[in-house]
Amino acid sequence: MERIRQLVGEMLVYLFVVLLLTGGFLAFFYAPSNEVASYSGSYEPLRGTPMSDAYASALDISLDVRGGLLIRQLHHTSSILLVLGTILWALLGRFRYALAALGLAALAALSGYGAVDDLLSGTVLGKLPVPLWYGLHLLTALAVGAVLVVSSRREAARRPRTPVLIALSIGLTVLAVLSL
């Protein structure tokens, strides 16, 4: 049971690395702004529609940036797997770290949706400025990473990682990300 918990913990760290890489790519093309502008991207039915710069940049990433939609989907899938894996990790006995990671991951997911200005738009939470959501998303993502790394290092200090465990956790992480 302890090795399974360690395997899940390692997978969570690798999922976080995928989130960092895909999030870094998305950050190059994202505009965290509430300014309203007319859409001028390649999707013809939306041309001229007023929307926030944040939402327009998300559409541009999805439709106009080469590989942008794939990267957005990988980022979203990895975040879902991170939350589900953290729940499994908590059930396997790492309550102290798992509950902190789960709370932070949920806050990071909510702030990620707020930063894009699509799902929360028109709600009470949608009234908060997009740069605030984006900053909260970055801070909570770093906090999740810190919790996962600290926990993984403490787990490895008690029971060292083996090359088989590392290879298995990387393989399962890749399989999980690509299967969803």
N, C-alpha and C. Protein backbone atom coordinates (compact mmCIF):
# COMPACT_ATOMS: atom_id res chain seq x y z
N MET A 1 0.81 -1.19 0.00
CA MET A 1 0.00 0.00 0.00
C MET A 1 0.86 1.27 0.00
N GLU A 2 1.98 1.20 0.73
CA GLU A 2 2.86 2.35 0.79
C GLU A 2 3.49 2.66 -0.57
N ARG A 3 3.84 1.60 -1.31
CA ARG A 3 4.42 1.80 -2.64
C ARG A 3 3.40 2.38 -3.62
N ILE A 4 2.16 1.97 -3.49
CA ILE A 4 1.11 2.51 -4.36
C ILE A 4 0.91 3.99 -4.07
N ARG A 5 0.91 4.36 -2.79
CA ARG A 5 0.79 5.76 -2.41
C ARG A 5 1.96 6.56 -2.96
N GLN A 6 3.16 5.98 -2.89
CA GLN A 6 4.34 6.65 -3.41
C GLN A 6 4.26 6.78 -4.93
N LEU A 7 3.74 5.76 -5.60
CA LEU A 7 3.57 5.81 -7.06
C LEU A 7 2.59 6.91 -7.45
N VAL A 8 1.48 7.00 -6.74
CA VAL A 8 0.50 8.04 -7.03
C VAL A 8 1.10 9.43 -6.77
N GLY A 9 1.86 9.56 -5.69
CA GLY A 9 2.53 10.83 -5.39
C GLY A 9 3.50 11.23 -6.48
N GLU A 10 4.27 10.28 -6.99
CA GLU A 10 5.19 10.56 -8.09
C GLU A 10 4.44 10.98 -9.35
N MET A 11 3.34 10.30 -9.62
CA MET A 11 2.53 10.65 -10.79
C MET A 11 1.99 12.07 -10.67
N LEU A 12 1.62 12.47 -9.46
CA LEU A 12 1.12 13.83 -9.25
C LEU A 12 2.21 14.86 -9.55
N VAL A 13 3.43 14.56 -9.16
CA VAL A 13 4.53 15.48 -9.46
C VAL A 13 4.72 15.59 -10.98
N TYR A 14 4.68 14.46 -11.69
CA TYR A 14 4.85 14.50 -13.15
C TYR A 14 3.67 15.18 -13.84
N LEU A 15 2.46 15.00 -13.31
CA LEU A 15 1.31 15.74 -13.84
C LEU A 15 1.50 17.24 -13.65
N PHE A 16 2.06 17.60 -12.52
CA PHE A 16 2.31 19.02 -12.28
C PHE A 16 3.34 19.56 -13.27
N VAL A 17 4.33 18.76 -13.60
CA VAL A 17 5.32 19.19 -14.60
C VAL A 17 4.63 19.42 -15.95
N VAL A 18 3.72 18.52 -16.32
CA VAL A 18 2.96 18.71 -17.57
C VAL A 18 2.16 20.01 -17.49
N LEU A 19 1.54 20.27 -16.35
CA LEU A 19 0.78 21.52 -16.17
C LEU A 19 1.69 22.74 -16.29
N LEU A 20 2.87 22.67 -15.73
CA LEU A 20 3.80 23.80 -15.84
C LEU A 20 4.22 24.04 -17.28
N LEU A 21 4.54 22.97 -18.00
CA LEU A 21 4.98 23.13 -19.39
C LEU A 21 3.87 23.66 -20.28
N THR A 22 2.67 23.08 -20.16
CA THR A 22 1.56 23.54 -20.99
C THR A 22 1.12 24.95 -20.58
N GLY A 23 1.11 25.23 -19.28
CA GLY A 23 0.76 26.56 -18.81
C GLY A 23 1.76 27.61 -19.27
N GLY A 24 3.04 27.26 -19.28
CA GLY A 24 4.07 28.17 -19.79
C GLY A 24 3.86 28.49 -21.26
N PHE A 25 3.51 27.48 -22.05
CA PHE A 25 3.22 27.71 -23.46
C PHE A 25 2.02 28.63 -23.62
N LEU A 26 0.95 28.35 -22.87
CA LEU A 26 -0.27 29.16 -22.98
C LEU A 26 -0.04 30.60 -22.53
N ALA A 27 0.84 30.80 -21.56
CA ALA A 27 1.10 32.15 -21.05
C ALA A 27 1.70 33.06 -22.11
N PHE A 28 2.42 32.50 -23.08
CA PHE A 28 3.01 33.32 -24.13
C PHE A 28 1.96 33.98 -25.01
N PHE A 29 0.79 33.38 -25.12
CA PHE A 29 -0.23 33.87 -26.03
C PHE A 29 -1.45 34.46 -25.31
N TYR A 30 -1.47 34.39 -24.00
CA TYR A 30 -2.63 34.82 -23.22
C TYR A 30 -2.51 36.29 -22.85
N ALA A 31 -3.63 37.01 -22.91
CA ALA A 31 -3.67 38.42 -22.52
C ALA A 31 -4.60 38.58 -21.32
N PRO A 32 -4.08 38.70 -20.11
CA PRO A 32 -4.95 38.82 -18.93
C PRO A 32 -5.50 40.24 -18.78
N SER A 33 -6.59 40.52 -19.47
CA SER A 33 -7.15 41.86 -19.46
C SER A 33 -8.67 41.82 -19.52
N ASN A 34 -9.31 42.73 -18.81
CA ASN A 34 -10.76 42.86 -18.85
C ASN A 34 -11.22 43.80 -19.95
N GLU A 35 -10.30 44.44 -20.64
CA GLU A 35 -10.68 45.40 -21.67
C GLU A 35 -11.56 44.73 -22.71
N VAL A 36 -12.65 45.39 -23.07
CA VAL A 36 -13.57 44.84 -24.06
C VAL A 36 -13.13 45.29 -25.44
N ALA A 37 -13.04 44.34 -26.33
CA ALA A 37 -12.66 44.61 -27.72
C ALA A 37 -13.51 43.75 -28.63
N SER A 38 -13.53 44.08 -29.89
CA SER A 38 -14.25 43.26 -30.87
C SER A 38 -13.35 42.12 -31.31
N TYR A 39 -13.93 40.94 -31.42
CA TYR A 39 -13.16 39.77 -31.83
C TYR A 39 -12.74 39.94 -33.28
N SER A 40 -11.48 39.68 -33.57
CA SER A 40 -10.97 39.82 -34.93
C SER A 40 -10.20 38.58 -35.38
N GLY A 41 -10.48 37.44 -34.75
CA GLY A 41 -9.76 36.21 -35.07
C GLY A 41 -10.31 35.53 -36.31
N SER A 42 -9.91 34.30 -36.51
CA SER A 42 -10.24 33.57 -37.73
C SER A 42 -11.64 32.94 -37.72
N TYR A 43 -12.28 32.87 -36.55
CA TYR A 43 -13.60 32.24 -36.49
C TYR A 43 -14.65 33.25 -36.95
N GLU A 44 -15.12 33.08 -38.16
CA GLU A 44 -15.99 34.04 -38.85
C GLU A 44 -17.28 34.39 -38.09
N PRO A 45 -18.03 33.42 -37.52
CA PRO A 45 -19.28 33.79 -36.85
C PRO A 45 -19.11 34.74 -35.67
N LEU A 46 -17.93 34.80 -35.06
CA LEU A 46 -17.72 35.67 -33.90
C LEU A 46 -17.09 37.01 -34.26
N ARG A 47 -16.70 37.20 -35.49
CA ARG A 47 -16.03 38.46 -35.87
C ARG A 47 -16.91 39.65 -35.54
N GLY A 48 -16.30 40.61 -34.86
CA GLY A 48 -17.01 41.83 -34.49
C GLY A 48 -17.76 41.73 -33.17
N THR A 49 -17.80 40.54 -32.57
CA THR A 49 -18.50 40.36 -31.30
C THR A 49 -17.66 40.96 -30.17
N PRO A 50 -18.27 41.80 -29.33
CA PRO A 50 -17.49 42.35 -28.20
C PRO A 50 -17.24 41.28 -27.14
N MET A 51 -16.02 41.22 -26.68
CA MET A 51 -15.62 40.28 -25.63
C MET A 51 -14.36 40.80 -24.97
N SER A 52 -14.03 40.23 -23.82
CA SER A 52 -12.81 40.67 -23.13
C SER A 52 -11.58 40.19 -23.89
N ASP A 53 -10.49 40.92 -23.70
CA ASP A 53 -9.23 40.50 -24.32
C ASP A 53 -8.80 39.12 -23.85
N ALA A 54 -9.11 38.78 -22.58
CA ALA A 54 -8.74 37.47 -22.04
C ALA A 54 -9.45 36.36 -22.82
N TYR A 55 -10.74 36.54 -23.04
CA TYR A 55 -11.50 35.51 -23.77
C TYR A 55 -11.08 35.47 -25.24
N ALA A 56 -10.83 36.63 -25.83
CA ALA A 56 -10.38 36.66 -27.22
C ALA A 56 -9.02 35.98 -27.37
N SER A 57 -8.14 36.15 -26.40
CA SER A 57 -6.83 35.49 -26.49
C SER A 57 -6.98 33.98 -26.32
N ALA A 58 -7.94 33.54 -25.49
CA ALA A 58 -8.19 32.10 -25.35
C ALA A 58 -8.72 31.52 -26.66
N LEU A 59 -9.59 32.26 -27.33
CA LEU A 59 -10.07 31.81 -28.64
C LEU A 59 -8.95 31.79 -29.66
N ASP A 60 -8.10 32.82 -29.63
CA ASP A 60 -6.96 32.85 -30.56
C ASP A 60 -6.02 31.67 -30.33
N ILE A 61 -5.77 31.35 -29.07
CA ILE A 61 -4.92 30.20 -28.76
C ILE A 61 -5.53 28.94 -29.33
N SER A 62 -6.84 28.78 -29.15
CA SER A 62 -7.52 27.57 -29.61
C SER A 62 -7.61 27.47 -31.12
N LEU A 63 -7.81 28.59 -31.79
CA LEU A 63 -8.11 28.55 -33.21
C LEU A 63 -6.99 28.99 -34.12
N ASP A 64 -6.10 29.86 -33.64
CA ASP A 64 -5.11 30.45 -34.53
C ASP A 64 -3.67 30.07 -34.23
N VAL A 65 -3.38 29.68 -33.00
CA VAL A 65 -2.01 29.28 -32.64
C VAL A 65 -1.83 27.81 -32.99
N ARG A 66 -0.78 27.51 -33.72
CA ARG A 66 -0.52 26.12 -34.11
C ARG A 66 -0.32 25.26 -32.87
N GLY A 67 -1.16 24.24 -32.72
CA GLY A 67 -1.09 23.34 -31.57
C GLY A 67 -1.70 23.92 -30.31
N GLY A 68 -2.28 25.10 -30.38
CA GLY A 68 -2.81 25.76 -29.19
C GLY A 68 -3.96 25.00 -28.55
N LEU A 69 -4.88 24.49 -29.35
CA LEU A 69 -6.01 23.76 -28.78
C LEU A 69 -5.53 22.47 -28.12
N LEU A 70 -4.57 21.80 -28.74
CA LEU A 70 -4.01 20.58 -28.14
C LEU A 70 -3.37 20.90 -26.79
N ILE A 71 -2.62 21.98 -26.72
CA ILE A 71 -1.96 22.36 -25.46
C ILE A 71 -3.00 22.74 -24.41
N ARG A 72 -4.05 23.46 -24.82
CA ARG A 72 -5.12 23.80 -23.86
C ARG A 72 -5.80 22.54 -23.34
N GLN A 73 -6.03 21.59 -24.23
CA GLN A 73 -6.67 20.34 -23.81
C GLN A 73 -5.75 19.54 -22.89
N LEU A 74 -4.46 19.48 -23.19
CA LEU A 74 -3.52 18.80 -22.31
C LEU A 74 -3.47 19.46 -20.93
N HIS A 75 -3.51 20.79 -20.91
CA HIS A 75 -3.49 21.53 -19.65
C HIS A 75 -4.74 21.20 -18.84
N HIS A 76 -5.88 21.21 -19.49
CA HIS A 76 -7.14 20.93 -18.81
C HIS A 76 -7.19 19.49 -18.32
N THR A 77 -6.81 18.54 -19.18
CA THR A 77 -6.82 17.12 -18.81
C THR A 77 -5.87 16.86 -17.65
N SER A 78 -4.70 17.45 -17.69
CA SER A 78 -3.74 17.26 -16.61
C SER A 78 -4.25 17.82 -15.30
N SER A 79 -4.96 18.94 -15.36
CA SER A 79 -5.49 19.52 -14.13
C SER A 79 -6.59 18.63 -13.54
N ILE A 80 -7.43 18.05 -14.38
CA ILE A 80 -8.46 17.13 -13.90
C ILE A 80 -7.81 15.89 -13.28
N LEU A 81 -6.80 15.35 -13.95
CA LEU A 81 -6.10 14.18 -13.42
C LEU A 81 -5.39 14.51 -12.11
N LEU A 82 -4.88 15.73 -11.98
CA LEU A 82 -4.21 16.13 -10.74
C LEU A 82 -5.21 16.13 -9.58
N VAL A 83 -6.40 16.64 -9.81
CA VAL A 83 -7.42 16.66 -8.75
C VAL A 83 -7.85 15.23 -8.41
N LEU A 84 -8.12 14.42 -9.42
CA LEU A 84 -8.54 13.04 -9.17
C LEU A 84 -7.43 12.24 -8.48
N GLY A 85 -6.20 12.44 -8.93
CA GLY A 85 -5.07 11.75 -8.31
C GLY A 85 -4.85 12.18 -6.87
N THR A 86 -5.10 13.45 -6.58
CA THR A 86 -4.95 13.95 -5.21
C THR A 86 -6.01 13.33 -4.31
N ILE A 87 -7.22 13.15 -4.84
CA ILE A 87 -8.27 12.48 -4.06
C ILE A 87 -7.85 11.04 -3.76
N LEU A 88 -7.33 10.34 -4.77
CA LEU A 88 -6.86 8.97 -4.57
C LEU A 88 -5.71 8.94 -3.57
N TRP A 89 -4.82 9.89 -3.67
CA TRP A 89 -3.67 10.00 -2.77
C TRP A 89 -4.15 10.20 -1.33
N ALA A 90 -5.20 11.01 -1.15
CA ALA A 90 -5.76 11.21 0.19
C ALA A 90 -6.37 9.93 0.72
N LEU A 91 -7.05 9.20 -0.15
CA LEU A 91 -7.67 7.94 0.28
C LEU A 91 -6.63 6.89 0.65
N LEU A 92 -5.45 6.99 0.06
CA LEU A 92 -4.38 6.05 0.36
C LEU A 92 -3.60 6.42 1.62
N GLY A 93 -3.93 7.54 2.24
CA GLY A 93 -3.34 7.81 3.54
C GLY A 93 -2.49 9.05 3.69
N ARG A 94 -2.31 9.87 2.70
CA ARG A 94 -1.49 11.08 2.82
C ARG A 94 -2.39 12.29 3.08
N PHE A 95 -3.18 12.22 4.14
CA PHE A 95 -4.20 13.24 4.38
C PHE A 95 -3.63 14.64 4.54
N ARG A 96 -2.56 14.77 5.30
CA ARG A 96 -2.05 16.11 5.61
C ARG A 96 -1.65 16.85 4.33
N TYR A 97 -0.90 16.20 3.46
CA TYR A 97 -0.47 16.85 2.23
C TYR A 97 -1.58 16.85 1.19
N ALA A 98 -2.35 15.78 1.12
CA ALA A 98 -3.36 15.64 0.08
C ALA A 98 -4.47 16.67 0.24
N LEU A 99 -4.89 16.93 1.46
CA LEU A 99 -5.96 17.91 1.66
C LEU A 99 -5.49 19.31 1.30
N ALA A 100 -4.26 19.64 1.64
CA ALA A 100 -3.71 20.94 1.25
C ALA A 100 -3.60 21.03 -0.27
N ALA A 101 -3.07 19.98 -0.89
CA ALA A 101 -2.93 19.98 -2.35
C ALA A 101 -4.29 20.02 -3.04
N LEU A 102 -5.27 19.30 -2.49
CA LEU A 102 -6.60 19.27 -3.09
C LEU A 102 -7.27 20.65 -3.00
N GLY A 103 -7.18 21.28 -1.86
CA GLY A 103 -7.74 22.63 -1.71
C GLY A 103 -7.09 23.63 -2.64
N LEU A 104 -5.76 23.57 -2.72
CA LEU A 104 -5.04 24.48 -3.61
C LEU A 104 -5.34 24.18 -5.07
N ALA A 105 -5.43 22.90 -5.43
CA ALA A 105 -5.74 22.53 -6.82
C ALA A 105 -7.13 22.99 -7.21
N ALA A 106 -8.09 22.88 -6.29
CA ALA A 106 -9.45 23.35 -6.59
C ALA A 106 -9.46 24.87 -6.78
N LEU A 107 -8.71 25.59 -5.94
CA LEU A 107 -8.62 27.03 -6.09
C LEU A 107 -7.91 27.42 -7.39
N ALA A 108 -6.87 26.65 -7.75
CA ALA A 108 -6.17 26.91 -9.01
C ALA A 108 -7.09 26.67 -10.20
N ALA A 109 -7.91 25.62 -10.13
CA ALA A 109 -8.85 25.34 -11.23
C ALA A 109 -9.88 26.46 -11.34
N LEU A 110 -10.45 26.89 -10.23
CA LEU A 110 -11.44 27.96 -10.25
C LEU A 110 -10.83 29.25 -10.79
N SER A 111 -9.63 29.57 -10.33
CA SER A 111 -8.99 30.80 -10.81
C SER A 111 -8.58 30.68 -12.27
N GLY A 112 -8.29 29.47 -12.74
CA GLY A 112 -8.00 29.29 -14.17
C GLY A 112 -9.21 29.58 -15.03
N TYR A 113 -10.38 29.12 -14.56
CA TYR A 113 -11.61 29.44 -15.29
C TYR A 113 -11.91 30.93 -15.22
N GLY A 114 -11.64 31.56 -14.09
CA GLY A 114 -11.87 32.99 -13.96
C GLY A 114 -10.94 33.80 -14.83
N ALA A 115 -9.71 33.32 -15.01
CA ALA A 115 -8.73 34.04 -15.82
C ALA A 115 -9.10 34.06 -17.30
N VAL A 116 -9.79 33.03 -17.77
CA VAL A 116 -10.17 32.99 -19.18
C VAL A 116 -11.40 33.85 -19.44
N ASP A 117 -12.16 34.15 -18.39
CA ASP A 117 -13.32 35.03 -18.48
C ASP A 117 -14.42 34.44 -19.36
N ASP A 118 -14.66 33.13 -19.21
CA ASP A 118 -15.76 32.55 -19.98
C ASP A 118 -16.82 31.93 -19.08
N LEU A 119 -16.48 30.95 -18.26
CA LEU A 119 -17.48 30.25 -17.47
C LEU A 119 -18.01 31.06 -16.29
N LEU A 120 -17.20 31.92 -15.72
CA LEU A 120 -17.64 32.70 -14.57
C LEU A 120 -18.21 34.06 -14.96
N SER A 121 -18.13 34.38 -16.23
CA SER A 121 -18.61 35.67 -16.70
C SER A 121 -20.10 35.80 -16.43
N GLY A 122 -20.50 36.94 -15.88
CA GLY A 122 -21.90 37.18 -15.57
C GLY A 122 -22.30 36.73 -14.18
N THR A 123 -21.40 36.09 -13.44
CA THR A 123 -21.69 35.67 -12.07
C THR A 123 -21.06 36.67 -11.09
N VAL A 124 -21.29 36.44 -9.83
CA VAL A 124 -20.69 37.30 -8.81
C VAL A 124 -19.17 37.21 -8.89
N LEU A 125 -18.65 35.99 -9.07
CA LEU A 125 -17.20 35.80 -9.19
C LEU A 125 -16.66 36.42 -10.47
N GLY A 126 -17.49 36.50 -11.50
CA GLY A 126 -17.06 37.08 -12.77
C GLY A 126 -16.82 38.57 -12.70
N LYS A 127 -17.25 39.21 -11.62
CA LYS A 127 -17.06 40.65 -11.47
C LYS A 127 -15.63 41.00 -11.03
N LEU A 128 -14.89 40.00 -10.56
CA LEU A 128 -13.49 40.23 -10.18
C LEU A 128 -12.65 40.44 -11.44
N PRO A 129 -11.65 41.29 -11.38
CA PRO A 129 -10.83 41.55 -12.58
C PRO A 129 -10.01 40.32 -13.00
N VAL A 130 -9.87 40.16 -14.30
CA VAL A 130 -9.15 39.02 -14.87
C VAL A 130 -7.70 38.96 -14.38
N PRO A 131 -6.96 40.09 -14.29
CA PRO A 131 -5.58 39.99 -13.79
C PRO A 131 -5.51 39.42 -12.37
N LEU A 132 -6.52 39.70 -11.54
CA LEU A 132 -6.56 39.12 -10.20
C LEU A 132 -6.72 37.60 -10.28
N TRP A 133 -7.62 37.13 -11.13
CA TRP A 133 -7.80 35.69 -11.33
C TRP A 133 -6.51 35.05 -11.83
N TYR A 134 -5.86 35.71 -12.77
CA TYR A 134 -4.63 35.15 -13.36
C TYR A 134 -3.52 35.07 -12.31
N GLY A 135 -3.37 36.12 -11.52
CA GLY A 135 -2.36 36.10 -10.46
C GLY A 135 -2.65 35.03 -9.42
N LEU A 136 -3.93 34.89 -9.05
CA LEU A 136 -4.32 33.84 -8.11
C LEU A 136 -4.04 32.46 -8.69
N HIS A 137 -4.28 32.30 -9.99
CA HIS A 137 -4.02 31.02 -10.65
C HIS A 137 -2.53 30.68 -10.59
N LEU A 138 -1.69 31.64 -10.87
CA LEU A 138 -0.24 31.40 -10.82
C LEU A 138 0.24 31.09 -9.41
N LEU A 139 -0.25 31.85 -8.43
CA LEU A 139 0.17 31.62 -7.04
C LEU A 139 -0.28 30.26 -6.51
N THR A 140 -1.52 29.90 -6.78
CA THR A 140 -2.00 28.60 -6.29
C THR A 140 -1.31 27.46 -7.01
N ALA A 141 -0.99 27.64 -8.29
CA ALA A 141 -0.27 26.58 -9.01
C ALA A 141 1.11 26.36 -8.39
N LEU A 142 1.79 27.43 -8.06
CA LEU A 142 3.10 27.29 -7.42
C LEU A 142 2.98 26.66 -6.03
N ALA A 143 1.93 27.00 -5.30
CA ALA A 143 1.72 26.40 -3.99
C ALA A 143 1.43 24.91 -4.09
N VAL A 144 0.65 24.50 -5.09
CA VAL A 144 0.39 23.07 -5.32
C VAL A 144 1.71 22.36 -5.61
N GLY A 145 2.51 22.95 -6.47
CA GLY A 145 3.81 22.35 -6.79
C GLY A 145 4.69 22.21 -5.56
N ALA A 146 4.70 23.22 -4.71
CA ALA A 146 5.52 23.16 -3.50
C ALA A 146 5.04 22.03 -2.58
N VAL A 147 3.75 21.90 -2.40
CA VAL A 147 3.21 20.83 -1.55
C VAL A 147 3.58 19.47 -2.11
N LEU A 148 3.44 19.30 -3.43
CA LEU A 148 3.75 18.01 -4.04
C LEU A 148 5.23 17.67 -3.95
N VAL A 149 6.08 18.64 -4.18
CA VAL A 149 7.52 18.38 -4.14
C VAL A 149 7.98 18.08 -2.72
N VAL A 150 7.51 18.85 -1.75
CA VAL A 150 7.89 18.60 -0.35
C VAL A 150 7.43 17.22 0.08
N SER A 151 6.21 16.88 -0.25
CA SER A 151 5.68 15.56 0.12
C SER A 151 6.45 14.44 -0.56
N SER A 152 6.76 14.63 -1.84
CA SER A 152 7.50 13.60 -2.58
C SER A 152 8.89 13.40 -2.00
N ARG A 153 9.55 14.49 -1.63
CA ARG A 153 10.90 14.38 -1.06
C ARG A 153 10.87 13.69 0.30
N ARG A 154 9.86 14.00 1.10
CA ARG A 154 9.75 13.35 2.42
C ARG A 154 9.44 11.86 2.27
N GLU A 155 8.59 11.55 1.30
CA GLU A 155 8.25 10.15 1.04
C GLU A 155 9.50 9.39 0.56
N ALA A 156 10.29 10.03 -0.32
CA ALA A 156 11.49 9.39 -0.84
C ALA A 156 12.56 9.24 0.25
N ALA A 157 12.56 10.13 1.23
CA ALA A 157 13.53 10.01 2.32
C ALA A 157 13.22 8.79 3.19
N ARG A 158 11.92 8.50 3.35
CA ARG A 158 11.54 7.32 4.14
C ARG A 158 11.73 6.04 3.35
N ARG A 159 11.37 6.09 2.10
CA ARG A 159 11.47 4.89 1.25
C ARG A 159 11.98 5.34 -0.12
N PRO A 160 13.27 5.14 -0.40
CA PRO A 160 13.88 5.66 -1.63
C PRO A 160 13.18 5.15 -2.89
N ARG A 161 13.18 6.02 -3.89
CA ARG A 161 12.60 5.66 -5.18
C ARG A 161 13.53 4.67 -5.88
N THR A 162 12.92 3.79 -6.64
CA THR A 162 13.70 2.86 -7.46
C THR A 162 13.52 3.26 -8.93
N PRO A 163 14.45 2.87 -9.79
CA PRO A 163 14.27 3.18 -11.22
C PRO A 163 12.97 2.59 -11.78
N VAL A 164 12.56 1.45 -11.27
CA VAL A 164 11.32 0.84 -11.74
C VAL A 164 10.12 1.71 -11.35
N LEU A 165 10.12 2.22 -10.13
CA LEU A 165 9.03 3.08 -9.68
C LEU A 165 8.97 4.36 -10.51
N ILE A 166 10.11 4.95 -10.78
CA ILE A 166 10.16 6.18 -11.59
C ILE A 166 9.67 5.91 -13.00
N ALA A 167 10.15 4.85 -13.61
CA ALA A 167 9.72 4.51 -14.98
C ALA A 167 8.23 4.19 -15.02
N LEU A 168 7.75 3.45 -14.05
CA LEU A 168 6.33 3.12 -14.00
C LEU A 168 5.47 4.37 -13.81
N SER A 169 5.90 5.27 -12.93
CA SER A 169 5.11 6.48 -12.70
C SER A 169 5.10 7.39 -13.92
N ILE A 170 6.22 7.51 -14.62
CA ILE A 170 6.26 8.31 -15.85
C ILE A 170 5.37 7.68 -16.92
N GLY A 171 5.49 6.36 -17.09
CA GLY A 171 4.67 5.66 -18.08
C GLY A 171 3.18 5.78 -17.80
N LEU A 172 2.79 5.59 -16.54
CA LEU A 172 1.38 5.71 -16.19
C LEU A 172 0.87 7.14 -16.34
N THR A 173 1.72 8.11 -16.05
CA THR A 173 1.32 9.51 -16.22
C THR A 173 1.08 9.82 -17.69
N VAL A 174 1.99 9.40 -18.54
CA VAL A 174 1.82 9.63 -19.99
C VAL A 174 0.57 8.93 -20.49
N LEU A 175 0.37 7.71 -20.06
CA LEU A 175 -0.81 6.95 -20.47
C LEU A 175 -2.11 7.64 -20.01
N ALA A 176 -2.11 8.11 -18.77
CA ALA A 176 -3.31 8.77 -18.25
C ALA A 176 -3.61 10.08 -18.98
N VAL A 177 -2.57 10.88 -19.24
CA VAL A 177 -2.78 12.17 -19.93
C VAL A 177 -3.26 11.93 -21.36
N LEU A 178 -2.70 10.96 -22.04
CA LEU A 178 -3.06 10.75 -23.44
C LEU A 178 -4.37 9.97 -23.61
N SER A 179 -4.81 9.29 -22.56
CA SER A 179 -6.03 8.50 -22.71
C SER A 179 -7.30 9.31 -22.49
N LEU A 180 -7.20 10.46 -21.83
CA LEU A 180 -8.41 11.25 -21.60
C LEU A 180 -8.69 12.17 -22.73
